[in-house]
Amino acid sequence: MYLISGCLLGHNCKYNGGNNRSEKVVDFASERSFLAVCPEGCSGLPVPRPPAEFAGERIVDREGRDVTEAFRRGAELSLRQALEEAERRGEKIEGAILKANSPSCGSGRIYDGTFSGRLKEGYGCFAEMLYKRGIKVISEKEIDNDKF
């Protein structure tokens, strides 16, 4: 079973109420067992909402509110749901395709907290939890149906 960011599948859960539908990801999902995830939505954050980025160790939204605990709670709930679903299906989590640069799902590079589009090295809180469990995480930019 793969974990896939819901926004990449066309779910309107992105901070601005839209999505980041990726045909490559949709094609990938059409041939595999998967679970759509949205840690931010799982946390109860509203849609739409102000964008948020890591500022040091904290996650703050564009209006200056600290939303770290909501992001962490959503990541923990998403991980728990994924593990429970994998067990229910009798499958293991093979990997995850998560939204690039996101404070929840970014893998390797995330926005730098200036809301200017600049990136820094780092992981979103959900992606980091998966990495720590040994689950391979890639972004939609890295997907290759033959190699993942």
Protein backbone atom coordinates (compact mmCIF):
# COMPACT_ATOMS: atom_id res chain seq x y z
CA MET A 1 0.00 0.00 0.00
CA TYR A 2 1.22 3.49 -0.83
CA LEU A 3 0.37 6.72 0.97
CA ILE A 4 -0.46 9.55 -1.41
CA SER A 5 -1.17 13.20 -0.63
CA GLY A 6 -4.85 13.74 -1.34
CA CYS A 7 -4.16 17.05 -3.08
CA LEU A 8 -2.05 15.19 -5.67
CA LEU A 9 -5.07 13.01 -6.44
CA GLY A 10 -7.26 16.07 -7.01
CA HIS A 11 -8.84 16.38 -3.56
CA ASN A 12 -9.49 20.03 -2.76
CA CYS A 13 -7.63 20.01 0.55
CA LYS A 14 -4.83 22.44 -0.31
CA TYR A 15 -4.51 25.46 1.99
CA ASN A 16 -6.21 27.71 -0.60
CA GLY A 17 -9.11 25.32 -1.19
CA GLY A 18 -7.70 23.90 -4.42
CA ASN A 19 -5.57 20.89 -5.24
CA ASN A 20 -2.29 19.91 -6.85
CA ARG A 21 -3.61 17.11 -9.08
CA SER A 22 -0.81 15.29 -10.85
CA GLU A 23 -1.72 12.99 -13.71
CA LYS A 24 1.47 10.99 -13.12
CA VAL A 25 0.41 10.39 -9.52
CA VAL A 26 -3.17 9.58 -10.51
CA ASP A 27 -1.84 7.07 -13.06
CA PHE A 28 0.46 5.56 -10.44
CA ALA A 29 -2.45 5.20 -7.99
CA SER A 30 -4.72 3.61 -10.59
CA GLU A 31 -2.47 0.54 -10.68
CA ARG A 32 -1.69 0.14 -6.96
CA SER A 33 -3.19 -0.14 -3.54
CA PHE A 34 -3.07 3.28 -1.88
CA LEU A 35 -4.47 5.44 0.87
CA ALA A 36 -5.05 9.15 0.29
CA VAL A 37 -3.75 11.25 3.18
CA CYS A 38 -3.91 14.90 4.16
CA PRO A 39 -2.27 15.52 7.52
CA GLU A 40 -3.36 19.15 7.56
CA GLY A 41 -6.98 18.23 6.95
CA CYS A 42 -6.73 15.38 9.46
CA SER A 43 -5.66 17.92 12.09
CA GLY A 44 -8.87 19.87 11.65
CA LEU A 45 -7.25 22.89 9.99
CA PRO A 46 -9.83 24.67 7.85
CA VAL A 47 -9.85 24.87 4.06
CA PRO A 48 -9.10 27.48 2.94
CA ARG A 49 -6.54 28.75 5.44
CA PRO A 50 -3.46 30.97 5.31
CA PRO A 51 -0.35 29.25 3.94
CA ALA A 52 2.14 28.01 6.52
CA GLU A 53 5.88 27.37 6.49
CA PHE A 54 8.60 26.23 8.87
CA ALA A 55 10.27 29.14 10.67
CA GLY A 56 13.07 27.50 12.59
CA GLU A 57 11.55 24.58 14.49
CA ARG A 58 8.02 26.04 14.46
CA ILE A 59 5.38 26.18 11.73
CA VAL A 60 3.75 29.58 11.37
CA ASP A 61 1.12 30.81 8.98
CA ARG A 62 1.41 33.95 6.88
CA GLU A 63 -0.52 35.87 9.55
CA GLY A 64 2.09 34.96 12.18
CA ARG A 65 0.08 32.34 14.06
CA ASP A 66 1.99 29.35 15.39
CA VAL A 67 0.25 26.28 13.94
CA THR A 68 2.96 23.76 14.87
CA GLU A 69 0.79 21.69 17.19
CA ALA A 70 -2.00 21.37 14.63
CA PHE A 71 0.48 20.20 11.98
CA ARG A 72 2.09 17.70 14.34
CA ARG A 73 -1.28 16.40 15.52
CA GLY A 74 -2.38 15.92 11.91
CA ALA A 75 0.85 14.08 11.09
CA GLU A 76 0.44 11.77 14.08
CA LEU A 77 -3.21 11.06 13.28
CA SER A 78 -2.41 10.41 9.61
CA LEU A 79 0.36 8.00 10.53
CA ARG A 80 -1.88 6.17 12.96
CA GLN A 81 -4.66 5.90 10.35
CA ALA A 82 -2.21 4.68 7.71
CA LEU A 83 -0.78 1.99 10.00
CA GLU A 84 -4.27 0.85 11.02
CA GLU A 85 -5.43 0.74 7.39
CA ALA A 86 -2.36 -1.22 6.31
CA GLU A 87 -3.02 -3.73 9.08
CA ARG A 88 -6.72 -3.94 8.20
CA ARG A 89 -5.81 -4.65 4.56
CA GLY A 90 -3.07 -7.08 5.52
CA GLU A 91 -0.54 -5.00 3.58
CA LYS A 92 2.61 -3.12 4.41
CA ILE A 93 3.27 0.50 3.56
CA GLU A 94 5.52 0.33 0.50
CA GLY A 95 6.21 4.06 0.27
CA ALA A 96 4.65 7.50 0.07
CA ILE A 97 4.21 10.13 -2.62
CA LEU A 98 3.74 13.42 -0.82
CA LYS A 99 3.41 17.04 -1.90
CA ALA A 100 6.78 18.66 -2.49
CA ASN A 101 7.94 21.49 -0.23
CA SER A 102 4.97 21.28 2.14
CA PRO A 103 5.43 21.83 5.91
CA SER A 104 3.58 18.51 6.34
CA CYS A 105 4.69 16.48 3.36
CA GLY A 106 7.89 18.00 1.95
CA SER A 107 10.76 15.55 1.52
CA GLY A 108 14.26 16.96 1.41
CA ARG A 109 13.29 20.57 0.64
CA ILE A 110 10.66 22.75 2.27
CA TYR A 111 9.75 26.42 2.13
CA ASP A 112 12.07 28.53 4.28
CA GLY A 113 9.54 30.49 6.36
CA THR A 114 9.82 33.78 4.47
CA PHE A 115 6.76 33.17 2.25
CA SER A 116 8.91 34.17 -0.71
CA GLY A 117 9.03 30.79 -2.47
CA ARG A 118 12.60 30.11 -1.31
CA LEU A 119 13.45 26.58 -0.24
CA LYS A 120 15.74 25.12 2.40
CA GLU A 121 16.78 21.60 3.26
CA GLY A 122 14.32 19.85 5.51
CA TYR A 123 11.32 17.61 5.86
CA GLY A 124 7.69 18.23 6.59
CA CYS A 125 6.49 16.84 9.91
CA PHE A 126 4.54 13.92 8.34
CA ALA A 127 7.31 13.04 5.87
CA GLU A 128 9.82 13.02 8.72
CA MET A 129 7.67 10.60 10.74
CA LEU A 130 7.54 8.24 7.76
CA TYR A 131 11.31 8.47 7.20
CA LYS A 132 11.95 7.62 10.83
CA ARG A 133 9.87 4.46 10.35
CA GLY A 134 11.92 3.49 7.29
CA ILE A 135 9.19 4.32 4.78
CA LYS A 136 10.48 5.73 1.50
CA VAL A 137 9.02 9.15 0.69
CA ILE A 138 9.20 10.90 -2.66
CA SER A 139 7.43 13.94 -4.07
CA GLU A 140 5.30 14.18 -7.18
CA LYS A 141 8.35 15.66 -8.87
CA GLU A 142 10.28 12.40 -8.43
CA ILE A 143 7.66 9.86 -9.43
CA ASP A 144 8.64 7.24 -11.94
CA ASN A 145 6.11 4.46 -12.31
CA ASP A 146 8.80 1.92 -13.15
CA LYS A 147 11.17 2.62 -10.22
CA PHE A 148 9.12 3.41 -7.11
